[in-house]
Amino acid sequence: MPKERLLIVEDEPSVAKQLKWSLEPEYDIAVAADPQKARELLATGIFPVATLDLGLPPSPDTPREGLKLLELLPVLAPLTKAIVITGHEEQDVAIQAVSLGAVDFCTKPIDLKLLQIILSRAYRIQSLEAANRSLQASQAQESSLGGMIGVSPAMRSLFDVIRKVSASDYPILITGESGTGKEMAAHAIHHFSPRSQNPFVIINCGAIPENLLESELFGHEKGAFTGAVARKFGKFEQAHTGTVFLDEIGELPLPMQVKLLRCLQEGTIERVGGDKTLYLNVRIVAATNKDLEAAVNQGQFREDLFFRLNVVQVKMPPLREHPEDVLVLAHHFLHREARSLKVGRPSFSPAALAAMSVHTWPGNVRELLNCIRRALSVYRGQVITPEHLDLEAAETEARPAERLMTLQEARDQAERRCIQQALLITGHNISQAAKLLATSRPTLHDLMKKHGIRT
């Protein structure tokens, strides 16, 4: 078998030579005598482990250059494990190095047997993390669809529904609270449909001024109105043979609802200022966070249009109904955003995981993503704590006009949070969690059933 690669960053030739001679039987070794060479070698990404002498030129008598290199490691080589080499009198420096991400340290003069044990441990950690990444990638393929992530029964059921309804050409109405991922679901429906190679056109019905809506949707002819200096193809024409996604359909004004209904019934449109009927082949996917049936009863939405759109309904579950996905999503967002920002591989502290597990997420998946982005913008080091997440501020932003809870609702919410936190602390051990909560195991089972908490 090929030997594992090891990078030795050491400016003293005699020490570098001794280390290379002693460790070469087990490792494929490269040596860097200065920070520039070390950066070049680390950037290749081929070294699972590196030993790093903190005293490097141009300041070999201080740990400054070594610590600076250690701080750059998450960007240069996020998967490389660093073992720092320090002097006997530099215990505080060693602790600082570990806080910056070093997996261990070894003091000078170097005890080779001890170093070999430390190296073996570092390679073992690296190997386990690689296996874990591979497992996560495999699980991600099974627990994702069109960019949506979920391992809960609610999300697996949603994925099944999307795969099934994608095959037909019937109109689809996606319902759900703000932030649940309705646009991602629409993308997935188009992606898995026979129209996937054709256009996918998004129309935000709430973002277009009412006087421009008809022109935006159906286009206009030259001279149709002041400023119409040329013919314009509308969104529906652009989507011919593909899919039109009508986001925030509940915001569509009543006069425009009539014209959309005709388009759905007859499969035709007319440009503003034109007299030619155009036949189109488009599939309609609409989405709303409103209760359209209530809007129909209040005269704010046409009943005939509602029935035309609501042939197949896809309901997006709010995050509070599948809390088992919170930490899965949190880790996914953390790694994705960290890669984008090139800040290495930060992690959550146990307290941060507990805080996210018991938060109610009124803003759903969008709130969770914004929470992770907020944390990455303020944290230092490699560990994200509850203070970085600032969930109280996030909840205030997400629920500015929330009604006052009843006492029973407040009790239920507090009870549910306590149970979730106890389960998290005890690794979902029911007996230990019951002891922590000063209750019996059967009572805890009953409470978990009451609140829909699964282990």
Protein backbone atom coordinates (compact mmCIF):
# COMPACT_ATOMS: atom_id res chain seq x y z
CA MET A 1 0.00 0.00 0.00
CA PRO A 2 1.22 3.56 -0.68
CA LYS A 3 2.44 5.46 2.35
CA GLU A 4 0.45 8.35 3.81
CA ARG A 5 1.75 11.81 2.90
CA LEU A 6 3.14 13.99 5.68
CA LEU A 7 4.29 17.61 5.45
CA ILE A 8 6.98 18.75 7.90
CA VAL A 9 7.20 22.55 8.29
CA GLU A 10 10.55 23.12 10.03
CA ASP A 11 13.21 25.78 9.44
CA GLU A 12 16.03 24.09 11.38
CA PRO A 13 17.77 21.73 8.90
CA SER A 14 19.05 19.37 11.61
CA VAL A 15 15.59 18.91 13.16
CA ALA A 16 13.93 18.51 9.74
CA LYS A 17 16.55 15.92 8.77
CA GLN A 18 16.07 13.98 12.04
CA LEU A 19 12.28 13.95 11.64
CA LYS A 20 12.47 12.87 8.02
CA TRP A 21 14.94 10.10 8.76
CA SER A 22 12.86 8.77 11.69
CA LEU A 23 9.44 8.96 10.04
CA GLU A 24 10.25 8.10 6.43
CA PRO A 25 9.72 4.33 6.86
CA GLU A 26 6.02 5.02 7.56
CA TYR A 27 5.27 8.23 5.66
CA ASP A 28 5.85 9.87 2.28
CA ILE A 29 7.46 13.08 3.56
CA ALA A 30 7.86 16.57 2.12
CA VAL A 31 9.69 19.38 3.99
CA ALA A 32 9.04 23.13 3.93
CA ALA A 33 11.60 25.41 5.59
CA ASP A 34 9.67 28.69 5.32
CA PRO A 35 6.03 29.89 5.31
CA GLN A 36 5.93 30.57 1.57
CA LYS A 37 6.98 27.02 0.67
CA ALA A 38 4.58 25.66 3.31
CA ARG A 39 1.67 27.62 1.81
CA GLU A 40 2.47 26.31 -1.67
CA LEU A 41 2.58 22.68 -0.50
CA LEU A 42 -0.51 22.96 1.71
CA ALA A 43 -2.51 24.50 -1.13
CA THR A 44 -2.07 21.29 -3.14
CA GLY A 45 -4.44 19.60 -0.68
CA ILE A 46 -2.51 16.30 -0.82
CA PHE A 47 -1.28 16.23 2.79
CA PRO A 48 -3.72 14.73 5.33
CA VAL A 49 -1.44 15.78 8.20
CA ALA A 50 1.28 18.40 8.71
CA THR A 51 3.67 19.08 11.59
CA LEU A 52 4.17 22.80 12.09
CA ASP A 53 7.06 24.42 13.94
CA LEU A 54 5.69 27.77 15.13
CA GLY A 55 9.08 29.54 15.05
CA LEU A 56 9.52 30.25 11.33
CA PRO A 57 11.41 32.90 9.35
CA PRO A 58 11.50 35.83 9.20
CA SER A 59 10.75 35.69 12.98
CA PRO A 60 12.11 32.30 14.11
CA ASP A 61 12.29 33.39 17.76
CA THR A 62 8.56 34.08 18.03
CA PRO A 63 5.50 31.96 17.20
CA ARG A 64 4.01 34.75 15.06
CA GLU A 65 4.63 33.26 11.59
CA GLY A 66 3.58 29.76 12.65
CA LEU A 67 0.32 30.99 14.18
CA LYS A 68 -0.35 33.10 11.08
CA LEU A 69 0.10 29.99 8.91
CA LEU A 70 -2.19 28.03 11.22
CA GLU A 71 -4.89 30.70 10.84
CA LEU A 72 -4.62 30.35 7.05
CA LEU A 73 -4.89 26.56 7.14
CA PRO A 74 -8.73 26.42 6.88
CA VAL A 75 -8.48 28.33 3.59
CA LEU A 76 -5.30 26.73 2.20
CA ALA A 77 -6.07 23.12 3.18
CA PRO A 78 -9.31 22.76 5.17
CA LEU A 79 -8.96 18.97 5.44
CA THR A 80 -5.34 18.94 6.67
CA LYS A 81 -4.75 18.20 10.36
CA ALA A 82 -1.97 20.26 11.95
CA ILE A 83 0.28 19.20 14.84
CA VAL A 84 2.24 22.14 16.23
CA ILE A 85 5.81 21.86 17.56
CA THR A 86 6.53 24.19 20.48
CA GLY A 87 9.13 24.79 23.17
CA HIS A 88 8.72 23.54 26.75
CA GLU A 89 8.07 27.07 28.00
CA GLU A 90 5.35 27.81 25.44
CA GLN A 91 2.34 26.08 27.01
CA ASP A 92 0.12 29.14 26.48
CA VAL A 93 1.17 29.29 22.82
CA ALA A 94 0.30 25.60 22.39
CA ILE A 95 -3.15 26.23 23.85
CA GLN A 96 -3.61 29.18 21.48
CA ALA A 97 -2.61 26.96 18.56
CA VAL A 98 -5.16 24.31 19.53
CA SER A 99 -7.84 27.01 19.76
CA LEU A 100 -6.95 27.98 16.18
CA GLY A 101 -7.57 24.44 14.97
CA ALA A 102 -4.43 22.38 15.63
CA VAL A 103 -5.37 18.80 16.57
CA ASP A 104 -2.45 18.39 19.01
CA PHE A 105 1.01 19.68 19.96
CA CYS A 106 4.42 18.22 20.71
CA THR A 107 7.18 19.99 22.69
CA LYS A 108 10.88 20.26 21.93
CA PRO A 109 13.11 18.37 22.26
CA ILE A 110 10.85 16.07 20.29
CA ASP A 111 10.06 12.64 21.75
CA LEU A 112 9.80 10.62 18.53
CA LYS A 113 7.73 7.84 20.10
CA LEU A 114 5.23 10.38 21.41
CA LEU A 115 5.16 12.16 18.05
CA GLN A 116 4.44 8.87 16.28
CA ILE A 117 1.48 8.28 18.61
CA ILE A 118 0.20 11.82 17.96
CA LEU A 119 0.63 11.35 14.19
CA SER A 120 -1.22 8.04 14.27
CA ARG A 121 -4.09 9.69 16.12
CA ALA A 122 -4.19 12.62 13.65
CA TYR A 123 -4.34 10.28 10.65
CA ARG A 124 -7.08 8.31 12.38
CA ILE A 125 -9.15 11.49 12.91
CA GLN A 126 -8.58 12.49 9.29
CA SER A 127 -9.63 9.04 8.09
CA LEU A 128 -12.79 9.03 10.21
CA GLU A 129 -13.74 12.50 8.99
CA ALA A 130 -13.21 11.42 5.37
CA ALA A 131 -15.43 8.36 5.93
CA ASN A 132 -18.04 10.58 7.57
CA ARG A 133 -18.00 13.00 4.62
CA SER A 134 -18.45 10.09 2.25
CA LEU A 135 -21.36 8.76 4.31
CA GLN A 136 -22.95 12.20 4.48
CA ALA A 137 -22.63 12.59 0.71
CA SER A 138 -24.29 9.20 0.21
CA GLN A 139 -27.09 10.05 2.65
CA ALA A 140 -27.52 13.47 1.06
CA GLN A 141 -28.38 11.84 -2.27
CA GLU A 142 -31.12 9.85 -0.55
CA SER A 143 -32.38 12.74 1.58
CA SER A 144 -32.46 15.56 -0.97
CA LEU A 145 -34.47 16.53 -3.99
CA GLY A 146 -33.87 19.52 -6.21
CA GLY A 147 -31.76 21.24 -3.56
CA MET A 148 -34.26 20.54 -0.75
CA ILE A 149 -32.85 18.60 2.21
CA GLY A 150 -34.74 16.41 4.66
CA VAL A 151 -34.61 13.05 6.44
CA SER A 152 -37.96 13.32 8.22
CA PRO A 153 -41.09 11.40 7.17
CA ALA A 154 -42.71 14.74 6.25
CA MET A 155 -39.94 15.63 3.78
CA ARG A 156 -39.64 12.11 2.37
CA SER A 157 -43.38 12.18 1.75
CA LEU A 158 -43.02 15.58 0.05
CA PHE A 159 -40.23 14.25 -2.19
CA ASP A 160 -42.44 11.30 -3.21
CA VAL A 161 -45.33 13.64 -4.04
CA ILE A 162 -43.11 15.91 -6.15
CA ARG A 163 -41.70 12.96 -8.13
CA LYS A 164 -45.22 11.67 -8.84
CA VAL A 165 -46.88 14.96 -9.82
CA SER A 166 -43.94 16.03 -11.99
CA ALA A 167 -44.76 13.41 -14.61
CA SER A 168 -48.15 14.89 -15.56
CA ASP A 169 -48.98 18.21 -17.23
CA TYR A 170 -51.71 19.23 -14.78
CA PRO A 171 -51.56 22.63 -13.04
CA ILE A 172 -50.03 22.46 -9.55
CA LEU A 173 -50.68 24.71 -6.58
CA ILE A 174 -47.88 24.81 -3.99
CA THR A 175 -49.03 26.04 -0.59
CA GLY A 176 -47.09 26.76 2.58
CA GLU A 177 -45.83 29.42 4.93
CA SER A 178 -43.22 31.94 3.89
CA GLY A 179 -39.72 30.47 3.95
CA THR A 180 -40.69 26.81 3.46
CA GLY A 181 -39.09 26.51 0.01
CA LYS A 182 -42.01 26.79 -2.42
CA GLU A 183 -39.82 28.10 -5.25
CA MET A 184 -37.36 25.22 -4.77
CA ALA A 185 -40.29 22.78 -4.98
CA ALA A 186 -41.39 24.43 -8.25
CA HIS A 187 -37.86 24.07 -9.65
CA ALA A 188 -37.87 20.39 -8.65
CA ILE A 189 -41.25 19.77 -10.32
CA HIS A 190 -39.93 21.28 -13.55
CA HIS A 191 -36.62 19.40 -13.27
CA PHE A 192 -38.34 16.01 -12.97
CA SER A 193 -40.96 16.74 -15.63
CA PRO A 194 -40.79 15.88 -19.37
CA ARG A 195 -40.33 19.65 -19.92
CA SER A 196 -37.06 19.80 -17.97
CA GLN A 197 -34.98 20.77 -21.03
CA ASN A 198 -37.33 23.64 -21.89
CA PRO A 199 -37.72 27.09 -20.27
CA PHE A 200 -38.63 27.60 -16.61
CA VAL A 201 -39.96 31.14 -16.21
CA ILE A 202 -40.66 32.72 -12.81
CA ILE A 203 -43.32 35.41 -12.43
CA ASN A 204 -43.60 37.08 -9.03
CA CYS A 205 -47.19 38.28 -9.04
CA GLY A 206 -46.65 40.48 -6.01
CA ALA A 207 -43.57 42.29 -7.33
CA ILE A 208 -44.89 43.66 -10.64
CA PRO A 209 -46.88 46.94 -10.61
CA GLU A 210 -50.54 46.34 -11.51
CA ASN A 211 -50.42 48.61 -14.57
CA LEU A 212 -47.52 46.58 -16.02
CA LEU A 213 -48.78 43.08 -15.20
CA GLU A 214 -50.58 42.29 -18.42
CA SER A 215 -47.64 43.47 -20.53
CA GLU A 216 -45.18 41.49 -18.41
CA LEU A 217 -47.23 38.31 -18.61
CA PHE A 218 -48.56 38.44 -22.17
CA GLY A 219 -46.33 40.99 -23.94
CA HIS A 220 -47.33 43.99 -26.04
CA GLU A 221 -47.21 45.26 -29.61
CA LYS A 222 -45.30 48.32 -30.77
CA GLY A 223 -47.31 51.45 -30.07
CA ALA A 224 -49.74 49.70 -27.71
CA PHE A 225 -49.19 52.46 -25.13
CA THR A 226 -46.85 55.36 -24.45
CA GLY A 227 -43.33 54.00 -24.24
CA ALA A 228 -44.06 50.81 -26.21
CA VAL A 229 -41.40 51.50 -28.85
CA ALA A 230 -41.07 47.86 -29.92
CA ARG A 231 -42.87 44.54 -29.67
CA LYS A 232 -42.27 42.74 -26.41
CA PHE A 233 -42.64 39.02 -25.79
CA GLY A 234 -44.28 38.32 -22.44
CA LYS A 235 -43.28 35.78 -19.82
CA PHE A 236 -45.82 33.22 -21.08
CA GLU A 237 -44.42 33.33 -24.61
CA GLN A 238 -40.89 32.99 -23.22
CA ALA A 239 -42.03 29.83 -21.40
CA HIS A 240 -43.53 28.17 -24.50
CA THR A 241 -43.04 24.34 -24.25
CA GLY A 242 -41.79 24.82 -20.68
CA THR A 243 -43.13 25.76 -17.24
CA VAL A 244 -44.48 29.04 -15.86
CA PHE A 245 -44.10 29.48 -12.11
CA LEU A 246 -46.62 31.99 -10.73
CA ASP A 247 -45.20 32.90 -7.33
CA GLU A 248 -47.43 34.73 -4.82
CA ILE A 249 -50.48 34.00 -6.97
CA GLY A 250 -52.69 35.30 -4.15
CA GLU A 251 -51.41 38.83 -4.87
CA LEU A 252 -52.77 38.83 -8.44
CA PRO A 253 -55.37 41.62 -8.91
CA LEU A 254 -58.92 40.51 -9.80
CA PRO A 255 -58.91 42.01 -13.36
CA MET A 256 -55.72 40.10 -14.14
CA GLN A 257 -57.20 36.91 -12.68
CA VAL A 258 -59.85 37.00 -15.43
CA LYS A 259 -57.20 37.13 -18.16
CA LEU A 260 -55.14 34.39 -16.53
CA LEU A 261 -58.24 32.20 -16.30
CA ARG A 262 -58.83 32.57 -20.04
CA CYS A 263 -55.20 31.64 -20.70
CA LEU A 264 -55.58 28.48 -18.60
CA GLN A 265 -58.94 27.51 -20.12
CA GLU A 266 -58.09 28.06 -23.77
CA GLY A 267 -54.30 27.86 -23.85
CA THR A 268 -54.18 31.21 -25.66
CA ILE A 269 -53.02 34.77 -25.04
CA GLU A 270 -53.18 38.11 -26.83
CA ARG A 271 -50.45 40.71 -26.56
CA VAL A 272 -51.50 44.13 -25.28
CA GLY A 273 -52.48 46.20 -28.32
CA GLY A 274 -52.59 43.14 -30.57
CA ASP A 275 -55.47 41.35 -32.29
CA LYS A 276 -53.76 38.05 -32.95
CA THR A 277 -54.54 35.03 -30.78
CA LEU A 278 -51.41 33.09 -29.84
CA TYR A 279 -51.59 29.42 -28.87
CA LEU A 280 -49.12 28.42 -26.17
CA ASN A 281 -47.99 25.14 -24.68
CA VAL A 282 -47.04 25.81 -21.05
CA ARG A 283 -47.44 24.05 -17.75
CA ILE A 284 -48.63 26.16 -14.82
CA VAL A 285 -47.17 25.85 -11.33
CA ALA A 286 -48.46 28.42 -8.83
CA ALA A 287 -47.52 29.09 -5.22
CA THR A 288 -49.01 31.02 -2.32
CA ASN A 289 -48.60 31.50 1.41
CA LYS A 290 -52.22 32.72 1.62
CA ASP A 291 -55.36 30.71 2.35
CA LEU A 292 -56.88 30.96 -1.14
CA GLU A 293 -60.14 29.30 -0.06
CA ALA A 294 -60.60 32.05 2.53
CA ALA A 295 -59.67 34.64 -0.13
CA VAL A 296 -62.38 33.15 -2.40
CA ASN A 297 -64.96 33.45 0.39
CA GLN A 298 -63.93 37.07 0.94
CA GLY A 299 -64.23 37.89 -2.77
CA GLN A 300 -60.49 38.54 -3.14
CA PHE A 301 -59.77 35.57 -5.40
CA ARG A 302 -61.88 34.08 -8.19
CA GLU A 303 -63.34 30.69 -7.34
CA ASP A 304 -63.13 29.44 -10.94
CA LEU A 305 -59.43 30.37 -11.12
CA PHE A 306 -58.79 28.69 -7.77
CA PHE A 307 -60.28 25.41 -9.04
CA ARG A 308 -58.29 25.71 -12.28
CA LEU A 309 -55.03 26.09 -10.36
CA ASN A 310 -55.79 23.64 -7.56
CA VAL A 311 -55.86 20.48 -9.70
CA VAL A 312 -52.92 19.04 -7.74
CA GLN A 313 -51.87 20.61 -4.44
CA VAL A 314 -48.40 20.26 -2.92
CA LYS A 315 -48.22 21.32 0.74
CA MET A 316 -44.86 22.50 2.07
CA PRO A 317 -44.55 21.59 5.77
CA PRO A 318 -43.38 24.32 8.18
CA LEU A 319 -40.06 23.54 9.85
CA ARG A 320 -41.68 23.18 13.29
CA GLU A 321 -43.56 20.13 11.95
CA HIS A 322 -40.35 18.29 11.04
CA PRO A 323 -37.86 19.38 13.74
CA GLU A 324 -35.67 16.34 13.09
CA ASP A 325 -34.47 18.16 9.94
CA VAL A 326 -33.28 21.29 11.76
CA LEU A 327 -29.75 20.08 12.53
CA VAL A 328 -29.44 18.32 9.17
CA LEU A 329 -30.25 21.59 7.42
CA ALA A 330 -28.06 23.61 9.79
CA HIS A 331 -24.97 21.50 9.04
CA HIS A 332 -25.74 21.58 5.31
CA PHE A 333 -26.06 25.38 5.28
CA LEU A 334 -22.98 25.82 7.47
CA HIS A 335 -20.73 23.77 5.19
CA ARG A 336 -22.17 25.30 2.01
CA GLU A 337 -21.84 28.89 3.21
CA ALA A 338 -18.38 28.25 4.71
CA ARG A 339 -17.19 26.90 1.34
CA SER A 340 -18.57 29.98 -0.37
CA LEU A 341 -16.84 32.31 2.10
CA LYS A 342 -13.64 30.17 2.12
CA VAL A 343 -13.46 30.08 5.91
CA GLY A 344 -12.56 26.43 6.38
CA ARG A 345 -14.86 24.00 8.23
CA PRO A 346 -16.45 25.71 11.25
CA SER A 347 -18.59 23.65 13.61
CA PHE A 348 -21.41 24.18 16.10
CA SER A 349 -20.85 23.97 19.84
CA PRO A 350 -23.12 21.50 21.73
CA ALA A 351 -24.96 24.48 23.23
CA ALA A 352 -25.59 25.91 19.74
CA LEU A 353 -27.00 22.57 18.57
CA ALA A 354 -29.27 22.48 21.61
CA ALA A 355 -30.45 26.05 20.99
CA MET A 356 -31.30 25.32 17.35
CA SER A 357 -33.09 22.11 18.30
CA VAL A 358 -35.53 23.83 20.66
CA HIS A 359 -36.11 27.00 18.60
CA THR A 360 -39.54 27.08 16.93
CA TRP A 361 -38.33 28.59 13.60
CA PRO A 362 -41.34 30.76 12.75
CA GLY A 363 -39.51 31.94 9.63
CA ASN A 364 -38.94 28.31 8.58
CA VAL A 365 -35.96 27.23 6.45
CA ARG A 366 -35.27 30.80 5.30
CA GLU A 367 -34.90 31.92 8.92
CA LEU A 368 -32.51 29.03 9.61
CA LEU A 369 -30.36 29.94 6.61
CA ASN A 370 -30.26 33.61 7.62
CA CYS A 371 -29.35 32.57 11.15
CA ILE A 372 -26.34 30.58 9.88
CA ARG A 373 -25.27 33.47 7.65
CA ARG A 374 -25.53 35.86 10.61
CA ALA A 375 -23.36 33.54 12.72
CA LEU A 376 -20.69 33.23 10.02
CA SER A 377 -20.48 37.00 9.75
CA VAL A 378 -19.68 37.53 13.45
CA TYR A 379 -17.94 34.38 14.77
CA ARG A 380 -14.22 34.03 15.40
CA GLY A 381 -12.14 30.84 15.48
CA GLN A 382 -13.84 27.65 14.27
CA VAL A 383 -16.75 27.12 16.70
CA ILE A 384 -20.20 28.73 16.46
CA THR A 385 -21.92 29.33 19.79
CA PRO A 386 -25.51 30.35 20.71
CA GLU A 387 -24.34 33.98 21.00
CA HIS A 388 -23.34 33.93 17.32
CA LEU A 389 -26.73 32.52 16.31
CA ASP A 390 -28.66 35.22 18.23
CA LEU A 391 -31.91 33.28 17.95
CA GLU A 392 -33.91 35.75 20.03
CA ALA A 393 -33.23 38.49 17.49
CA ALA A 394 -34.03 36.08 14.65
CA GLU A 395 -37.39 35.21 16.21
CA THR A 396 -38.24 38.89 16.69
CA GLU A 397 -37.49 39.56 13.01
CA ALA A 398 -39.54 36.58 11.87
CA ARG A 399 -42.58 37.33 14.04
CA PRO A 400 -42.91 41.12 14.37
CA ALA A 401 -46.69 41.07 14.70
CA GLU A 402 -47.21 37.76 16.47
CA ARG A 403 -50.37 37.47 18.54
CA LEU A 404 -50.04 36.91 22.27
CA MET A 405 -49.88 33.22 23.14
CA THR A 406 -52.39 31.72 25.53
CA LEU A 407 -51.08 30.32 28.80
CA GLN A 408 -51.71 26.77 27.58
CA GLU A 409 -49.80 27.42 24.35
CA ALA A 410 -46.90 28.89 26.34
CA ARG A 411 -46.87 25.85 28.68
CA ASP A 412 -46.93 23.45 25.71
CA GLN A 413 -44.10 25.30 23.98
CA ALA A 414 -41.94 25.35 27.12
CA GLU A 415 -42.68 21.68 27.79
CA ARG A 416 -41.74 20.68 24.26
CA ARG A 417 -38.48 22.65 24.38
CA CYS A 418 -37.47 21.11 27.72
CA ILE A 419 -38.08 17.58 26.42
CA GLN A 420 -36.12 18.22 23.21
CA GLN A 421 -33.20 19.70 25.13
CA ALA A 422 -33.11 16.79 27.62
CA LEU A 423 -33.12 14.28 24.76
CA LEU A 424 -30.32 16.13 23.00
CA ILE A 425 -28.18 16.31 26.15
CA THR A 426 -28.65 12.57 26.87
CA GLY A 427 -28.18 11.43 23.28
CA HIS A 428 -31.90 10.50 23.05
CA ASN A 429 -31.66 8.08 25.98
CA ILE A 430 -35.26 8.01 27.28
CA SER A 431 -34.38 6.77 30.78
CA GLN A 432 -31.66 9.37 31.34
CA ALA A 433 -33.82 12.14 29.88
CA ALA A 434 -36.67 11.17 32.24
CA LYS A 435 -34.29 11.40 35.22
CA LEU A 436 -33.02 14.77 34.02
CA LEU A 437 -36.60 16.04 33.80
CA ALA A 438 -37.54 14.50 37.17
CA THR A 439 -40.35 12.44 35.68
CA SER A 440 -41.03 8.77 34.91
CA ARG A 441 -40.19 6.99 31.69
CA PRO A 442 -43.90 6.25 30.84
CA THR A 443 -44.82 9.90 31.48
CA LEU A 444 -42.02 11.07 29.21
CA HIS A 445 -43.22 8.68 26.49
CA ASP A 446 -46.73 10.14 26.80
CA LEU A 447 -45.41 13.70 26.61
CA MET A 448 -43.28 12.90 23.56
CA LYS A 449 -46.34 11.41 21.86
CA LYS A 450 -48.39 14.48 22.80
CA HIS A 451 -45.84 16.86 21.23
CA GLY A 452 -44.97 14.67 18.24
CA ILE A 453 -41.34 14.21 19.32
CA ARG A 454 -39.54 11.20 17.85
CA THR A 455 -36.25 9.65 18.90
